Amino acid sequence: TCSILREEPPPLPPIDPDIKNDWLL
């Protein structure tokens, strides 16, 4: 399972403008 997890990319945050600002800060 480690191989599959490594191949899969990490979960990205929502593309909401409000949330994006929070993530950037």
C-alpha atoms as a PDB file:
ATOM      1  CA  THR A   1       0.000   0.000   0.000  1.00  0.00           C
ATOM      2  CA  CYS A   2       2.963   2.311   0.575  1.00  0.00           C
ATOM      3  CA  SER A   3       3.730   2.287  -3.165  1.00  0.00           C
ATOM      4  CA  ILE A   4       0.156   3.243  -4.089  1.00  0.00           C
ATOM      5  CA  LEU A   5       0.057   5.994  -1.475  1.00  0.00           C
ATOM      6  CA  ARG A   6       3.389   7.323  -2.680  1.00  0.00           C
ATOM      7  CA  GLU A   7       2.249   7.339  -6.313  1.00  0.00           C
ATOM      8  CA  GLU A   8      -1.006   9.107  -5.520  1.00  0.00           C
ATOM      9  CA  PRO A   9      -0.630  12.886  -5.098  1.00  0.00           C
ATOM     10  CA  PRO A  10      -1.523  14.578  -1.787  1.00  0.00           C
ATOM     11  CA  PRO A  11      -5.059  15.890  -1.244  1.00  0.00           C
ATOM     12  CA  LEU A  12      -5.313  19.456  -2.480  1.00  0.00           C
ATOM     13  CA  PRO A  13      -7.344  22.110  -0.594  1.00  0.00           C
ATOM     14  CA  PRO A  14     -10.635  23.451  -2.009  1.00  0.00           C
ATOM     15  CA  ILE A  15     -10.479  25.973  -4.847  1.00  0.00           C
ATOM     16  CA  ASP A  16     -12.690  28.455  -2.979  1.00  0.00           C
ATOM     17  CA  PRO A  17     -11.271  32.028  -2.957  1.00  0.00           C
ATOM     18  CA  ASP A  18     -11.955  32.458   0.762  1.00  0.00           C
ATOM     19  CA  ILE A  19     -10.347  29.156   1.678  1.00  0.00           C
ATOM     20  CA  LYS A  20      -7.477  29.745  -0.784  1.00  0.00           C
ATOM     21  CA  ASN A  21      -6.629  32.980   1.015  1.00  0.00           C
ATOM     22  CA  ASP A  22      -6.552  31.136   4.333  1.00  0.00           C
ATOM     23  CA  TRP A  23      -4.267  28.444   2.898  1.00  0.00           C
ATOM     24  CA  LEU A  24      -1.946  31.045   1.387  1.00  0.00           C
ATOM     25  CA  LEU A  25      -1.725  32.934   4.681  1.00  0.00           C
END
